[in-house]
Structure formats: structure tokens, C-alpha cells
Amino acid sequence: MNKTNTEKAIKELTMVLMYLTRFNESDRFGSYLDISWKGYDFNVINELDEEDYIRQGSHRSKSVAITEEGIKLAQSLLHKYSISDW
């Protein structure tokens, strides 16, 4: 079994936790967004935002929106780590 380095594991597992703890919220245009609280390492959150897996909007907000690509990544990571989805 190949081991994942610590930094990569933290980033991947942060994405998984955001995905598993998400909730739906309507935006101002009536679309529903998958939202998660961003109580995780800010450097990891910034990296995920730069890679377009999440969108923080304002850095002062307490939540992030998970993008479609972020959902796909999280679902593949659930499989990688043998974690059941809801």
C-alpha cells in the first residue's frame, strides 16, 4: 500500500470533512449551494480555493461553497479512504 505524505493527507481529509459536513443553502439567485463551515487550516483552505474545489468568497466569511469539481474530488477521496457517503 502506498503511503500518502502528511501534507497531502491533511488536504485530502479536509476536503472529505467539508464534503461530509456540508449543508444546502440558497444563494441570492435561487440556486442551491453545498456549503461547509471553514474551521480548518487556513493554508489548506486557500489551496483548495485556488484549485477551484471550494469558493470562500470573502476571507472573513465563516463558510465556503463546495464546487462541482470539489464534490467529485471528495467522492473519489471517500472511495480512496474507504469511507461511506451519506
Protein backbone atom coordinates (compact mmCIF):
# COMPACT_ATOMS: atom_id res chain seq x y z
CA MET A 1 0.00 0.00 0.00
CA ASN A 2 1.41 3.40 -0.99
CA LYS A 3 1.54 5.94 1.80
CA THR A 4 0.27 9.48 1.31
CA ASN A 5 2.54 12.24 2.62
CA THR A 6 1.23 14.19 5.58
CA GLU A 7 0.52 17.48 3.79
CA LYS A 8 -1.41 15.76 1.01
CA ALA A 9 -3.39 13.68 3.53
CA ILE A 10 -4.34 16.80 5.51
CA LYS A 11 -5.56 18.50 2.33
CA GLU A 12 -7.48 15.44 1.14
CA LEU A 13 -9.06 14.72 4.50
CA THR A 14 -10.02 18.38 4.93
CA MET A 15 -11.87 18.16 1.61
CA VAL A 16 -13.57 14.95 2.77
CA LEU A 17 -14.62 16.53 6.08
CA MET A 18 -16.01 19.60 4.32
CA TYR A 19 -17.96 17.35 1.97
CA LEU A 20 -19.34 15.11 4.75
CA THR A 21 -20.40 18.07 6.92
CA ARG A 22 -21.93 20.12 4.08
CA PHE A 23 -25.41 21.57 4.04
CA ASN A 24 -27.50 23.20 1.31
CA GLU A 25 -28.21 26.89 1.19
CA SER A 26 -29.94 29.01 -1.42
CA ASP A 27 -27.90 31.80 -2.97
CA ARG A 28 -29.32 35.17 -3.98
CA PHE A 29 -30.22 33.78 -7.44
CA GLY A 30 -32.25 30.88 -6.05
CA SER A 31 -29.63 28.20 -6.81
CA TYR A 32 -28.70 25.77 -4.09
CA LEU A 33 -25.07 25.58 -2.98
CA ASP A 34 -23.29 22.90 -0.97
CA ILE A 35 -21.87 24.87 1.96
CA SER A 36 -19.44 23.86 4.71
CA TRP A 37 -18.00 25.68 7.69
CA LYS A 38 -14.36 26.58 7.26
CA GLY A 39 -12.94 25.76 10.67
CA TYR A 40 -9.88 24.12 9.13
CA ASP A 41 -6.28 25.13 8.43
CA PHE A 42 -6.38 28.41 6.50
CA ASN A 43 -3.45 27.45 4.25
CA VAL A 44 -5.28 24.27 3.20
CA ILE A 45 -8.50 26.20 2.62
CA ASN A 46 -6.63 28.74 0.50
CA GLU A 47 -5.06 25.95 -1.59
CA LEU A 48 -8.44 24.27 -2.14
CA ASP A 49 -9.87 27.65 -3.16
CA GLU A 50 -7.01 28.31 -5.60
CA GLU A 51 -7.58 24.85 -7.14
CA ASP A 52 -11.32 25.68 -7.50
CA TYR A 53 -12.56 22.85 -5.27
CA ILE A 54 -14.18 25.38 -2.95
CA ARG A 55 -15.03 29.07 -3.08
CA GLN A 56 -14.53 31.20 0.00
CA GLY A 57 -15.94 34.43 -1.28
CA SER A 58 -14.87 36.83 1.43
CA HIS A 59 -11.94 35.65 3.54
CA ARG A 60 -13.94 36.92 6.52
CA SER A 61 -16.89 34.57 5.92
CA LYS A 62 -17.23 31.52 8.13
CA SER A 63 -18.34 29.16 5.37
CA VAL A 64 -17.26 28.02 1.91
CA ALA A 65 -19.16 26.77 -1.13
CA ILE A 66 -18.04 23.41 -2.50
CA THR A 67 -17.78 23.42 -6.30
CA GLU A 68 -18.86 20.57 -8.59
CA GLU A 69 -15.18 19.67 -9.00
CA GLY A 70 -14.82 19.69 -5.22
CA ILE A 71 -17.75 17.29 -4.87
CA LYS A 72 -16.21 14.96 -7.46
CA LEU A 73 -12.85 15.10 -5.70
CA ALA A 74 -14.40 14.43 -2.29
CA GLN A 75 -16.38 11.46 -3.61
CA SER A 76 -13.23 9.94 -5.14
CA LEU A 77 -11.38 10.51 -1.84
CA LEU A 78 -14.17 8.75 0.06
CA HIS A 79 -13.51 5.74 -2.14
CA LYS A 80 -9.73 6.06 -1.68
CA TYR A 81 -10.03 6.12 2.12
CA SER A 82 -12.90 3.55 2.23
CA ILE A 83 -15.34 5.99 3.84
CA SER A 84 -19.09 5.62 3.25
CA ASP A 85 -21.01 8.54 1.77
CA TRP A 86 -24.31 9.67 3.26
